[in-house]
Amino acid sequence: MKLAGAEASRFLAKPDPSRAGLLIFGADAMRVALKRQEAIAALIGPQGEAEMRLTRIQAADLRKNAALLEDATRAIGFFPGPRVAFVEDATDGLTATLEIALKDWRTGDAQIVVTAGDLKPKSTLRTLFEKHLNATAIVLYDNPPTREEIESELAKAGLKQFASTAMADLTTLARELDPGDFRQTLEKIALYKYNDPTPLTPAEIHALAPATVEAEVDDLLAAVADQQPNLIGPLLRRLEGQGILPVTLCIGALRHFRSLHVAASDPGGVSAGILKARIFGPRRDAMQRQASAWGMEKLESALGLLVETDLTLRSTSRAPAMAVMERALIRLAMMKR
């Protein structure tokens, strides 16, 4: 049986204990590891590993000794309860070994949980679990967590109350962070809100979210859009020191001012335009104010300047690229004057 998306999330949160095997695979190793931890914890409970009801088997060791998996599935533990035999980083080279283990599996044996990297559709290991009548294959795509998954993670941590706009901010944050960092951020938020009955707010999310290069780029673009040219130099030097390229800054500026232009040119007003531009999080109010202050015509001029700068950066010009970018940003910040 093959599962993906919401079905896969629900299965991993509560795996069927009657199934012999579970294969979790995907290109993102961190995402696979997190989902594997969730599934195993659901199968054997939080004390399962401490009670030695989890047997870990490296793929390299299993290739050398195929009997390791049979011993792990049939072994009787000292503590009562369900058991798991976990095979890590499997490849197609273990298909035959796992096929025998699944064929010989009987009720009461340890469940077989296998993780793997990105398996192609023709992979023999993937095909084995997808077509086996008593096994499940779950593919994890490189998509950010869904609203349902985020709410589930927060509920596990005891956090069920949040403001209406907070979930949109968390969804945006999930797209910016890798799965491990996002999970840690959710744990930090839950710890911060422990025994706090008030709803989670966007301001709290912003304060607890990890600082990223993207956030510093946003600070630079905010200084430009808010017409604060004195802040551009120091912010630019800091980003330059982190290895950010001028063309990357130009792309970010184009994206920022295009969003402002969408908001300013919307027939329903700036507020409606902000929603259409999909601007969420703590930047929303600031960008709404910027769009109102600039107006559609000035924003069109700003976009023209940025397109011209982008062409210069990608040309054979000998002008220092970062100096070209800095000059463009200062001109933007001074434009309304």
C-alpha atoms as a PDB file:
ATOM      1  CA  MET A   1       0.000   0.000   0.000  1.00  0.00           C
ATOM      2  CA  LYS A   2       1.289   3.447  -0.933  1.00  0.00           C
ATOM      3  CA  LEU A   3       0.392   6.602   0.995  1.00  0.00           C
ATOM      4  CA  ALA A   4       1.283  10.279   0.542  1.00  0.00           C
ATOM      5  CA  GLY A   5       0.130  13.706   1.680  1.00  0.00           C
ATOM      6  CA  ALA A   6      -2.559  13.962   4.332  1.00  0.00           C
ATOM      7  CA  GLU A   7      -3.202  10.194   4.352  1.00  0.00           C
ATOM      8  CA  ALA A   8       0.459   9.570   5.092  1.00  0.00           C
ATOM      9  CA  SER A   9       0.475  12.131   7.925  1.00  0.00           C
ATOM     10  CA  ARG A  10      -2.537  10.512   9.570  1.00  0.00           C
ATOM     11  CA  PHE A  11      -1.021   7.035   9.222  1.00  0.00           C
ATOM     12  CA  LEU A  12       2.341   8.092  10.699  1.00  0.00           C
ATOM     13  CA  ALA A  13       0.581   9.705  13.656  1.00  0.00           C
ATOM     14  CA  LYS A  14      -1.235   6.432  14.329  1.00  0.00           C
ATOM     15  CA  PRO A  15       0.326   3.495  12.430  1.00  0.00           C
ATOM     16  CA  ASP A  16      -1.615   0.250  12.054  1.00  0.00           C
ATOM     17  CA  PRO A  17       0.039  -2.219  14.485  1.00  0.00           C
ATOM     18  CA  SER A  18      -1.250  -5.192  12.508  1.00  0.00           C
ATOM     19  CA  ARG A  19       0.880  -4.425   9.443  1.00  0.00           C
ATOM     20  CA  ALA A  20       4.204  -6.167   9.058  1.00  0.00           C
ATOM     21  CA  GLY A  21       6.285  -3.406   7.555  1.00  0.00           C
ATOM     22  CA  LEU A  22       6.532   0.330   6.999  1.00  0.00           C
ATOM     23  CA  LEU A  23       8.840   2.034   4.503  1.00  0.00           C
ATOM     24  CA  ILE A  24       9.400   5.795   4.836  1.00  0.00           C
ATOM     25  CA  PHE A  25      11.453   7.398   2.089  1.00  0.00           C
ATOM     26  CA  GLY A  26      12.173  10.794   0.550  1.00  0.00           C
ATOM     27  CA  ALA A  27      14.892  13.152  -0.643  1.00  0.00           C
ATOM     28  CA  ASP A  28      14.958  15.192   2.602  1.00  0.00           C
ATOM     29  CA  ALA A  29      16.784  13.068   5.193  1.00  0.00           C
ATOM     30  CA  MET A  30      15.680  15.308   8.080  1.00  0.00           C
ATOM     31  CA  ARG A  31      12.024  15.049   7.093  1.00  0.00           C
ATOM     32  CA  VAL A  32      12.317  11.251   6.856  1.00  0.00           C
ATOM     33  CA  ALA A  33      14.028  11.070  10.264  1.00  0.00           C
ATOM     34  CA  LEU A  34      11.355  13.197  11.958  1.00  0.00           C
ATOM     35  CA  LYS A  35       8.487  11.157  10.518  1.00  0.00           C
ATOM     36  CA  ARG A  36      10.248   7.918  11.406  1.00  0.00           C
ATOM     37  CA  GLN A  37      10.617   9.093  15.005  1.00  0.00           C
ATOM     38  CA  GLU A  38       6.930   9.977  15.098  1.00  0.00           C
ATOM     39  CA  ALA A  39       5.861   6.580  13.726  1.00  0.00           C
ATOM     40  CA  ILE A  40       8.088   4.545  16.032  1.00  0.00           C
ATOM     41  CA  ALA A  41       6.996   6.544  19.083  1.00  0.00           C
ATOM     42  CA  ALA A  42       3.365   5.899  18.136  1.00  0.00           C
ATOM     43  CA  LEU A  43       4.031   2.162  17.794  1.00  0.00           C
ATOM     44  CA  ILE A  44       6.037   1.457  20.958  1.00  0.00           C
ATOM     45  CA  GLY A  45       5.262   4.478  23.118  1.00  0.00           C
ATOM     46  CA  PRO A  46       7.588   7.099  24.610  1.00  0.00           C
ATOM     47  CA  GLN A  47       9.364   4.533  26.831  1.00  0.00           C
ATOM     48  CA  GLY A  48       9.779   1.917  24.124  1.00  0.00           C
ATOM     49  CA  GLU A  49      13.438   2.588  23.409  1.00  0.00           C
ATOM     50  CA  ALA A  50      14.320   2.787  27.102  1.00  0.00           C
ATOM     51  CA  GLU A  51      12.612  -0.571  27.599  1.00  0.00           C
ATOM     52  CA  MET A  52      14.699  -2.080  24.781  1.00  0.00           C
ATOM     53  CA  ARG A  53      11.689  -2.670  22.536  1.00  0.00           C
ATOM     54  CA  LEU A  54      13.445  -0.938  19.623  1.00  0.00           C
ATOM     55  CA  THR A  55      16.207  -2.666  17.685  1.00  0.00           C
ATOM     56  CA  ARG A  56      18.257  -0.484  15.317  1.00  0.00           C
ATOM     57  CA  ILE A  57      19.940  -2.137  12.341  1.00  0.00           C
ATOM     58  CA  GLN A  58      22.210  -0.292   9.953  1.00  0.00           C
ATOM     59  CA  ALA A  59      21.750  -1.181   6.305  1.00  0.00           C
ATOM     60  CA  ALA A  60      25.476  -1.944   5.932  1.00  0.00           C
ATOM     61  CA  ASP A  61      25.332  -4.436   8.823  1.00  0.00           C
ATOM     62  CA  LEU A  62      22.227  -6.105   7.419  1.00  0.00           C
ATOM     63  CA  ARG A  63      23.905  -6.561   4.055  1.00  0.00           C
ATOM     64  CA  LYS A  64      26.706  -8.462   5.792  1.00  0.00           C
ATOM     65  CA  ASN A  65      24.398 -10.541   7.990  1.00  0.00           C
ATOM     66  CA  ALA A  66      20.807 -11.022   6.788  1.00  0.00           C
ATOM     67  CA  ALA A  67      19.941 -12.952   9.973  1.00  0.00           C
ATOM     68  CA  LEU A  68      20.048  -9.736  12.028  1.00  0.00           C
ATOM     69  CA  LEU A  69      16.556  -8.748  10.908  1.00  0.00           C
ATOM     70  CA  GLU A  70      15.041 -12.175  11.527  1.00  0.00           C
ATOM     71  CA  ASP A  71      16.554 -12.254  15.023  1.00  0.00           C
ATOM     72  CA  ALA A  72      15.226  -8.750  15.758  1.00  0.00           C
ATOM     73  CA  THR A  73      11.672  -9.521  14.639  1.00  0.00           C
ATOM     74  CA  ARG A  74      11.450 -12.837  16.531  1.00  0.00           C
ATOM     75  CA  ALA A  75      13.311 -11.861  19.724  1.00  0.00           C
ATOM     76  CA  ILE A  76      11.277 -11.781  22.942  1.00  0.00           C
ATOM     77  CA  GLY A  77      11.936  -8.614  24.932  1.00  0.00           C
ATOM     78  CA  PHE A  78      12.429  -8.396  28.683  1.00  0.00           C
ATOM     79  CA  PHE A  79       9.663  -5.773  28.918  1.00  0.00           C
ATOM     80  CA  PRO A  80       6.155  -6.476  27.612  1.00  0.00           C
ATOM     81  CA  GLY A  81       4.695  -4.420  24.787  1.00  0.00           C
ATOM     82  CA  PRO A  82       4.972  -3.939  21.015  1.00  0.00           C
ATOM     83  CA  ARG A  83       8.417  -4.006  19.432  1.00  0.00           C
ATOM     84  CA  VAL A  84      10.012  -2.467  16.344  1.00  0.00           C
ATOM     85  CA  ALA A  85      12.942  -3.583  14.215  1.00  0.00           C
ATOM     86  CA  PHE A  86      14.248  -0.443  12.538  1.00  0.00           C
ATOM     87  CA  VAL A  87      16.401  -0.674   9.387  1.00  0.00           C
ATOM     88  CA  GLU A  88      18.102   2.628   8.592  1.00  0.00           C
ATOM     89  CA  ASP A  89      19.230   3.937   5.176  1.00  0.00           C
ATOM     90  CA  ALA A  90      18.089   0.923   3.170  1.00  0.00           C
ATOM     91  CA  THR A  91      18.655   0.623  -0.571  1.00  0.00           C
ATOM     92  CA  ASP A  92      17.511  -1.706  -3.343  1.00  0.00           C
ATOM     93  CA  GLY A  93      20.323  -4.043  -2.364  1.00  0.00           C
ATOM     94  CA  LEU A  94      18.274  -5.113   0.665  1.00  0.00           C
ATOM     95  CA  THR A  95      15.074  -5.857  -1.237  1.00  0.00           C
ATOM     96  CA  ALA A  96      15.533  -9.637  -1.168  1.00  0.00           C
ATOM     97  CA  THR A  97      16.345  -9.675   2.556  1.00  0.00           C
ATOM     98  CA  LEU A  98      13.348  -7.516   3.418  1.00  0.00           C
ATOM     99  CA  GLU A  99      11.072  -9.549   1.145  1.00  0.00           C
ATOM    100  CA  ILE A 100      11.930 -12.719   3.096  1.00  0.00           C
ATOM    101  CA  ALA A 101      11.411 -10.914   6.415  1.00  0.00           C
ATOM    102  CA  LEU A 102       7.979  -9.659   5.364  1.00  0.00           C
ATOM    103  CA  LYS A 103       6.999 -13.093   4.056  1.00  0.00           C
ATOM    104  CA  ASP A 104       7.994 -14.805   7.328  1.00  0.00           C
ATOM    105  CA  TRP A 105       6.402 -12.138   9.566  1.00  0.00           C
ATOM    106  CA  ARG A 106       3.750 -13.369  11.998  1.00  0.00           C
ATOM    107  CA  THR A 107       1.444 -11.581  14.428  1.00  0.00           C
ATOM    108  CA  GLY A 108       3.391 -10.850  17.589  1.00  0.00           C
ATOM    109  CA  ASP A 109       6.686 -10.284  15.775  1.00  0.00           C
ATOM    110  CA  ALA A 110       8.364  -6.890  15.924  1.00  0.00           C
ATOM    111  CA  GLN A 111       7.122  -4.537  13.239  1.00  0.00           C
ATOM    112  CA  ILE A 112       9.666  -3.729  10.554  1.00  0.00           C
ATOM    113  CA  VAL A 113      10.239  -0.017   9.981  1.00  0.00           C
ATOM    114  CA  VAL A 114      12.577   0.918   7.124  1.00  0.00           C
ATOM    115  CA  THR A 115      13.869   4.325   6.036  1.00  0.00           C
ATOM    116  CA  ALA A 116      15.460   5.160   2.697  1.00  0.00           C
ATOM    117  CA  GLY A 117      16.487   8.108   0.582  1.00  0.00           C
ATOM    118  CA  ASP A 118      14.899   9.222  -2.669  1.00  0.00           C
ATOM    119  CA  LEU A 119      13.685   6.020  -4.357  1.00  0.00           C
ATOM    120  CA  LYS A 120      12.760   6.082  -8.032  1.00  0.00           C
ATOM    121  CA  PRO A 121       9.359   4.703  -9.138  1.00  0.00           C
ATOM    122  CA  LYS A 122      11.102   1.588 -10.517  1.00  0.00           C
ATOM    123  CA  SER A 123      12.982   0.942  -7.262  1.00  0.00           C
ATOM    124  CA  THR A 124      12.626  -2.703  -6.219  1.00  0.00           C
ATOM    125  CA  LEU A 125      12.509  -1.758  -2.526  1.00  0.00           C
ATOM    126  CA  ARG A 126       9.757   0.773  -3.108  1.00  0.00           C
ATOM    127  CA  THR A 127       7.810  -1.673  -5.297  1.00  0.00           C
ATOM    128  CA  LEU A 128       8.065  -4.380  -2.627  1.00  0.00           C
ATOM    129  CA  PHE A 129       6.396  -2.271   0.060  1.00  0.00           C
ATOM    130  CA  GLU A 130       3.874  -0.637  -2.279  1.00  0.00           C
ATOM    131  CA  LYS A 131       2.580  -3.950  -3.614  1.00  0.00           C
ATOM    132  CA  HIS A 132       2.861  -6.046  -0.460  1.00  0.00           C
ATOM    133  CA  LEU A 133      -0.536  -6.822   1.034  1.00  0.00           C
ATOM    134  CA  ASN A 134       0.644  -6.312   4.611  1.00  0.00           C
ATOM    135  CA  ALA A 135       3.117  -3.420   4.269  1.00  0.00           C
ATOM    136  CA  THR A 136       2.940   0.322   3.739  1.00  0.00           C
ATOM    137  CA  ALA A 137       5.166   2.643   1.705  1.00  0.00           C
ATOM    138  CA  ILE A 138       5.107   6.353   2.495  1.00  0.00           C
ATOM    139  CA  VAL A 139       6.812   8.882   0.246  1.00  0.00           C
ATOM    140  CA  LEU A 140       7.700  12.277   1.745  1.00  0.00           C
ATOM    141  CA  TYR A 141       7.925  15.090  -0.766  1.00  0.00           C
ATOM    142  CA  ASP A 142       9.853  18.312  -0.174  1.00  0.00           C
ATOM    143  CA  ASN A 143       6.693  20.257   0.595  1.00  0.00           C
ATOM    144  CA  PRO A 144       6.257  22.449   3.683  1.00  0.00           C
ATOM    145  CA  PRO A 145       3.965  21.122   6.421  1.00  0.00           C
ATOM    146  CA  THR A 146       0.260  21.605   5.813  1.00  0.00           C
ATOM    147  CA  ARG A 147      -2.020  23.525   8.166  1.00  0.00           C
ATOM    148  CA  GLU A 148      -3.318  20.190   9.476  1.00  0.00           C
ATOM    149  CA  GLU A 149       0.210  18.979  10.264  1.00  0.00           C
ATOM    150  CA  ILE A 150       1.130  22.232  12.014  1.00  0.00           C
ATOM    151  CA  GLU A 151      -2.044  22.163  14.112  1.00  0.00           C
ATOM    152  CA  SER A 152      -1.348  18.530  14.992  1.00  0.00           C
ATOM    153  CA  GLU A 153       2.199  19.330  16.145  1.00  0.00           C
ATOM    154  CA  LEU A 154       0.978  22.248  18.254  1.00  0.00           C
ATOM    155  CA  ALA A 155      -1.812  20.128  19.761  1.00  0.00           C
ATOM    156  CA  LYS A 156       0.719  17.462  20.772  1.00  0.00           C
ATOM    157  CA  ALA A 157       2.611  20.149  22.647  1.00  0.00           C
ATOM    158  CA  GLY A 158      -0.607  21.254  24.363  1.00  0.00           C
ATOM    159  CA  LEU A 159      -1.110  24.454  22.349  1.00  0.00           C
ATOM    160  CA  LYS A 160      -4.605  24.693  20.849  1.00  0.00           C
ATOM    161  CA  GLN A 161      -5.411  28.416  21.019  1.00  0.00           C
ATOM    162  CA  PHE A 162      -4.022  30.855  18.463  1.00  0.00           C
ATOM    163  CA  ALA A 163      -5.119  34.076  16.821  1.00  0.00           C
ATOM    164  CA  SER A 164      -6.726  33.886  13.377  1.00  0.00           C
ATOM    165  CA  THR A 165      -3.646  35.291  11.634  1.00  0.00           C
ATOM    166  CA  ALA A 166      -1.133  33.234  13.622  1.00  0.00           C
ATOM    167  CA  MET A 167      -1.654  30.070  11.559  1.00  0.00           C
ATOM    168  CA  ALA A 168      -0.947  31.963   8.318  1.00  0.00           C
ATOM    169  CA  ASP A 169       2.313  33.201   9.865  1.00  0.00           C
ATOM    170  CA  LEU A 170       3.282  29.674  10.943  1.00  0.00           C
ATOM    171  CA  THR A 171       2.545  28.382   7.441  1.00  0.00           C
ATOM    172  CA  THR A 172       4.800  31.080   5.984  1.00  0.00           C
ATOM    173  CA  LEU A 173       7.516  30.221   8.500  1.00  0.00           C
ATOM    174  CA  ALA A 174       7.245  26.529   7.576  1.00  0.00           C
ATOM    175  CA  ARG A 175       8.131  27.420   3.984  1.00  0.00           C
ATOM    176  CA  GLU A 176      11.223  29.367   5.056  1.00  0.00           C
ATOM    177  CA  LEU A 177      12.740  26.890   7.543  1.00  0.00           C
ATOM    178  CA  ASP A 178      13.929  23.335   7.041  1.00  0.00           C
ATOM    179  CA  PRO A 179      11.847  20.646   8.813  1.00  0.00           C
ATOM    180  CA  GLY A 180      14.198  20.251  11.785  1.00  0.00           C
ATOM    181  CA  ASP A 181      14.403  23.971  12.499  1.00  0.00           C
ATOM    182  CA  PHE A 182      10.649  24.335  12.138  1.00  0.00           C
ATOM    183  CA  ARG A 183      10.020  21.475  14.578  1.00  0.00           C
ATOM    184  CA  GLN A 184      12.371  23.112  17.110  1.00  0.00           C
ATOM    185  CA  THR A 185      10.578  26.432  16.617  1.00  0.00           C
ATOM    186  CA  LEU A 186       7.215  24.805  17.343  1.00  0.00           C
ATOM    187  CA  GLU A 187       8.660  23.224  20.493  1.00  0.00           C
ATOM    188  CA  LYS A 188      10.027  26.611  21.574  1.00  0.00           C
ATOM    189  CA  ILE A 189       6.635  28.233  20.988  1.00  0.00           C
ATOM    190  CA  ALA A 190       4.857  25.502  22.945  1.00  0.00           C
ATOM    191  CA  LEU A 191       7.302  25.882  25.840  1.00  0.00           C
ATOM    192  CA  TYR A 192       6.878  29.651  25.830  1.00  0.00           C
ATOM    193  CA  LYS A 193       3.071  29.308  25.902  1.00  0.00           C
ATOM    194  CA  TYR A 194       3.068  26.601  28.577  1.00  0.00           C
ATOM    195  CA  ASN A 195       0.157  27.223  30.967  1.00  0.00           C
ATOM    196  CA  ASP A 196      -0.652  30.431  29.093  1.00  0.00           C
ATOM    197  CA  PRO A 197      -4.378  30.411  28.195  1.00  0.00           C
ATOM    198  CA  THR A 198      -4.155  33.414  25.835  1.00  0.00           C
ATOM    199  CA  PRO A 199      -4.115  32.691  22.063  1.00  0.00           C
ATOM    200  CA  LEU A 200      -0.785  32.574  20.240  1.00  0.00           C
ATOM    201  CA  THR A 201      -0.208  35.860  18.380  1.00  0.00           C
ATOM    202  CA  PRO A 202       1.840  36.768  15.275  1.00  0.00           C
ATOM    203  CA  ALA A 203       4.049  39.003  17.437  1.00  0.00           C
ATOM    204  CA  GLU A 204       4.984  36.029  19.637  1.00  0.00           C
ATOM    205  CA  ILE A 205       5.752  33.905  16.581  1.00  0.00           C
ATOM    206  CA  HIS A 206       7.991  36.639  15.181  1.00  0.00           C
ATOM    207  CA  ALA A 207       9.836  36.978  18.506  1.00  0.00           C
ATOM    208  CA  LEU A 208      10.426  33.202  18.810  1.00  0.00           C
ATOM    209  CA  ALA A 209      11.265  32.425  15.179  1.00  0.00           C
ATOM    210  CA  PRO A 210      14.978  31.907  14.434  1.00  0.00           C
ATOM    211  CA  ALA A 211      16.811  34.728  12.732  1.00  0.00           C
ATOM    212  CA  THR A 212      17.566  33.971   9.080  1.00  0.00           C
ATOM    213  CA  VAL A 213      19.467  35.646   6.267  1.00  0.00           C
ATOM    214  CA  GLU A 214      16.085  36.215   4.632  1.00  0.00           C
ATOM    215  CA  ALA A 215      14.999  38.182   7.687  1.00  0.00           C
ATOM    216  CA  GLU A 216      18.052  40.450   7.379  1.00  0.00           C
ATOM    217  CA  VAL A 217      17.316  40.940   3.681  1.00  0.00           C
ATOM    218  CA  ASP A 218      13.770  41.890   4.687  1.00  0.00           C
ATOM    219  CA  ASP A 219      15.226  44.467   7.122  1.00  0.00           C
ATOM    220  CA  LEU A 220      17.253  45.990   4.291  1.00  0.00           C
ATOM    221  CA  LEU A 221      14.264  46.149   1.942  1.00  0.00           C
ATOM    222  CA  ALA A 222      12.107  47.630   4.702  1.00  0.00           C
ATOM    223  CA  ALA A 223      14.700  50.390   5.176  1.00  0.00           C
ATOM    224  CA  VAL A 224      14.539  51.108   1.438  1.00  0.00           C
ATOM    225  CA  ALA A 225      10.742  51.102   1.240  1.00  0.00           C
ATOM    226  CA  ASP A 226      10.469  53.210   4.408  1.00  0.00           C
ATOM    227  CA  GLN A 227      12.883  55.770   2.877  1.00  0.00           C
ATOM    228  CA  GLN A 228      15.650  55.378   5.437  1.00  0.00           C
ATOM    229  CA  PRO A 229      18.816  55.613   3.284  1.00  0.00           C
ATOM    230  CA  ASN A 230      21.052  56.012   6.342  1.00  0.00           C
ATOM    231  CA  LEU A 231      20.351  52.375   7.307  1.00  0.00           C
ATOM    232  CA  ILE A 232      21.178  50.900   3.909  1.00  0.00           C
ATOM    233  CA  GLY A 233      24.991  51.001   4.161  1.00  0.00           C
ATOM    234  CA  PRO A 234      25.400  49.131   7.486  1.00  0.00           C
ATOM    235  CA  LEU A 235      22.773  46.519   6.576  1.00  0.00           C
ATOM    236  CA  LEU A 236      24.340  45.987   3.163  1.00  0.00           C
ATOM    237  CA  ARG A 237      27.829  45.541   4.621  1.00  0.00           C
ATOM    238  CA  ARG A 238      26.524  42.892   7.040  1.00  0.00           C
ATOM    239  CA  LEU A 239      24.812  40.955   4.244  1.00  0.00           C
ATOM    240  CA  GLU A 240      27.868  41.278   2.031  1.00  0.00           C
ATOM    241  CA  GLY A 241      29.954  39.802   4.842  1.00  0.00           C
ATOM    242  CA  GLN A 242      27.617  36.798   4.908  1.00  0.00           C
ATOM    243  CA  GLY A 243      28.253  36.159   1.219  1.00  0.00           C
ATOM    244  CA  ILE A 244      24.945  37.454  -0.138  1.00  0.00           C
ATOM    245  CA  LEU A 245      25.316  38.323  -3.824  1.00  0.00           C
ATOM    246  CA  PRO A 246      24.122  41.649  -5.302  1.00  0.00           C
ATOM    247  CA  VAL A 247      21.894  39.846  -7.810  1.00  0.00           C
ATOM    248  CA  THR A 248      20.204  38.000  -4.917  1.00  0.00           C
ATOM    249  CA  LEU A 249      19.440  41.342  -3.273  1.00  0.00           C
ATOM    250  CA  CYS A 250      18.109  42.682  -6.551  1.00  0.00           C
ATOM    251  CA  ILE A 251      15.786  39.692  -6.961  1.00  0.00           C
ATOM    252  CA  GLY A 252      14.561  40.175  -3.390  1.00  0.00           C
ATOM    253  CA  ALA A 253      13.961  43.893  -3.986  1.00  0.00           C
ATOM    254  CA  LEU A 254      12.042  43.160  -7.192  1.00  0.00           C
ATOM    255  CA  ARG A 255       9.857  40.664  -5.358  1.00  0.00           C
ATOM    256  CA  HIS A 256       9.212  43.132  -2.514  1.00  0.00           C
ATOM    257  CA  PHE A 257       8.285  46.055  -4.768  1.00  0.00           C
ATOM    258  CA  ARG A 258       6.171  43.853  -7.063  1.00  0.00           C
ATOM    259  CA  SER A 259       4.154  42.829  -4.006  1.00  0.00           C
ATOM    260  CA  LEU A 260       3.753  46.490  -3.051  1.00  0.00           C
ATOM    261  CA  HIS A 261       2.668  47.268  -6.604  1.00  0.00           C
ATOM    262  CA  VAL A 262       0.056  44.476  -6.548  1.00  0.00           C
ATOM    263  CA  ALA A 263      -1.302  45.857  -3.282  1.00  0.00           C
ATOM    264  CA  ALA A 264      -1.292  49.507  -4.422  1.00  0.00           C
ATOM    265  CA  SER A 265      -2.936  48.813  -7.785  1.00  0.00           C
ATOM    266  CA  ASP A 266      -5.757  46.602  -6.523  1.00  0.00           C
ATOM    267  CA  PRO A 267      -9.223  48.078  -7.355  1.00  0.00           C
ATOM    268  CA  GLY A 268     -10.481  46.964  -3.961  1.00  0.00           C
ATOM    269  CA  GLY A 269      -7.890  49.027  -2.106  1.00  0.00           C
ATOM    270  CA  VAL A 270      -4.523  48.345  -0.489  1.00  0.00           C
ATOM    271  CA  SER A 271      -5.950  46.035   2.199  1.00  0.00           C
ATOM    272  CA  ALA A 272      -7.499  43.772  -0.434  1.00  0.00           C
ATOM    273  CA  GLY A 273      -4.316  43.953  -2.491  1.00  0.00           C
ATOM    274  CA  ILE A 274      -2.175  42.842   0.450  1.00  0.00           C
ATOM    275  CA  LEU A 275      -4.250  39.669   0.689  1.00  0.00           C
ATOM    276  CA  LYS A 276      -3.963  39.034  -3.058  1.00  0.00           C
ATOM    277  CA  ALA A 277      -0.212  39.535  -2.862  1.00  0.00           C
ATOM    278  CA  ARG A 278      -0.158  36.782  -0.186  1.00  0.00           C
ATOM    279  CA  ILE A 279       1.676  38.940   2.326  1.00  0.00           C
ATOM    280  CA  PHE A 280       1.430  37.447   5.805  1.00  0.00           C
ATOM    281  CA  GLY A 281       3.282  37.634   9.071  1.00  0.00           C
ATOM    282  CA  PRO A 282       4.750  40.614  10.874  1.00  0.00           C
ATOM    283  CA  ARG A 283       5.604  42.314   7.545  1.00  0.00           C
ATOM    284  CA  ARG A 284       1.948  42.647   6.592  1.00  0.00           C
ATOM    285  CA  ASP A 285       1.176  45.916   8.392  1.00  0.00           C
ATOM    286  CA  ALA A 286       4.488  47.491   7.373  1.00  0.00           C
ATOM    287  CA  MET A 287       4.030  46.576   3.702  1.00  0.00           C
ATOM    288  CA  GLN A 288       0.443  47.813   3.734  1.00  0.00           C
ATOM    289  CA  ARG A 289       1.716  51.145   5.007  1.00  0.00           C
ATOM    290  CA  GLN A 290       4.497  51.200   2.398  1.00  0.00           C
ATOM    291  CA  ALA A 291       2.105  50.443  -0.462  1.00  0.00           C
ATOM    292  CA  SER A 292      -0.178  53.270   0.635  1.00  0.00           C
ATOM    293  CA  ALA A 293       2.713  55.721   0.983  1.00  0.00           C
ATOM    294  CA  TRP A 294       4.323  54.944  -2.373  1.00  0.00           C
ATOM    295  CA  GLY A 295       1.287  54.672  -4.601  1.00  0.00           C
ATOM    296  CA  MET A 296       1.023  52.796  -7.872  1.00  0.00           C
ATOM    297  CA  GLU A 297       2.886  55.266 -10.114  1.00  0.00           C
ATOM    298  CA  LYS A 298       5.941  55.627  -7.880  1.00  0.00           C
ATOM    299  CA  LEU A 299       6.099  51.852  -7.469  1.00  0.00           C
ATOM    300  CA  GLU A 300       6.112  51.454 -11.251  1.00  0.00           C
ATOM    301  CA  SER A 301       9.098  53.807 -11.411  1.00  0.00           C
ATOM    302  CA  ALA A 302      10.801  51.814  -8.635  1.00  0.00           C
ATOM    303  CA  LEU A 303      10.280  48.567 -10.545  1.00  0.00           C
ATOM    304  CA  GLY A 304      11.733  50.170 -13.668  1.00  0.00           C
ATOM    305  CA  LEU A 305      14.871  51.157 -11.750  1.00  0.00           C
ATOM    306  CA  LEU A 306      15.241  47.659 -10.299  1.00  0.00           C
ATOM    307  CA  VAL A 307      14.821  45.974 -13.699  1.00  0.00           C
ATOM    308  CA  GLU A 308      17.505  48.304 -15.116  1.00  0.00           C
ATOM    309  CA  THR A 309      19.793  47.435 -12.188  1.00  0.00           C
ATOM    310  CA  ASP A 310      19.189  43.721 -12.674  1.00  0.00           C
ATOM    311  CA  LEU A 311      20.181  43.981 -16.341  1.00  0.00           C
ATOM    312  CA  THR A 312      23.345  45.870 -15.379  1.00  0.00           C
ATOM    313  CA  LEU A 313      24.304  43.233 -12.804  1.00  0.00           C
ATOM    314  CA  ARG A 314      23.870  40.460 -15.374  1.00  0.00           C
ATOM    315  CA  SER A 315      25.741  42.316 -18.111  1.00  0.00           C
ATOM    316  CA  THR A 316      29.460  42.525 -18.837  1.00  0.00           C
ATOM    317  CA  SER A 317      29.732  45.876 -17.066  1.00  0.00           C
ATOM    318  CA  ARG A 318      32.961  46.373 -15.108  1.00  0.00           C
ATOM    319  CA  ALA A 319      31.258  48.417 -12.410  1.00  0.00           C
ATOM    320  CA  PRO A 320      31.517  46.820  -8.922  1.00  0.00           C
ATOM    321  CA  ALA A 321      28.290  44.839  -8.574  1.00  0.00           C
ATOM    322  CA  MET A 322      27.647  45.593  -4.903  1.00  0.00           C
ATOM    323  CA  ALA A 323      28.250  49.307  -5.482  1.00  0.00           C
ATOM    324  CA  VAL A 324      25.723  49.239  -8.344  1.00  0.00           C
ATOM    325  CA  MET A 325      23.204  47.553  -6.051  1.00  0.00           C
ATOM    326  CA  GLU A 326      23.850  49.956  -3.182  1.00  0.00           C
ATOM    327  CA  ARG A 327      23.434  52.970  -5.486  1.00  0.00           C
ATOM    328  CA  ALA A 328      20.114  51.589  -6.751  1.00  0.00           C
ATOM    329  CA  LEU A 329      18.796  50.987  -3.230  1.00  0.00           C
ATOM    330  CA  ILE A 330      19.773  54.502  -2.108  1.00  0.00           C
ATOM    331  CA  ARG A 331      18.091  55.986  -5.195  1.00  0.00           C
ATOM    332  CA  LEU A 332      14.959  54.015  -4.324  1.00  0.00           C
ATOM    333  CA  ALA A 333      15.024  55.232  -0.740  1.00  0.00           C
ATOM    334  CA  MET A 334      15.381  58.838  -1.980  1.00  0.00           C
ATOM    335  CA  MET A 335      12.876  58.512  -4.821  1.00  0.00           C
ATOM    336  CA  LYS A 336       9.805  59.869  -3.036  1.00  0.00           C
ATOM    337  CA  ARG A 337      11.717  62.939  -1.977  1.00  0.00           C
END
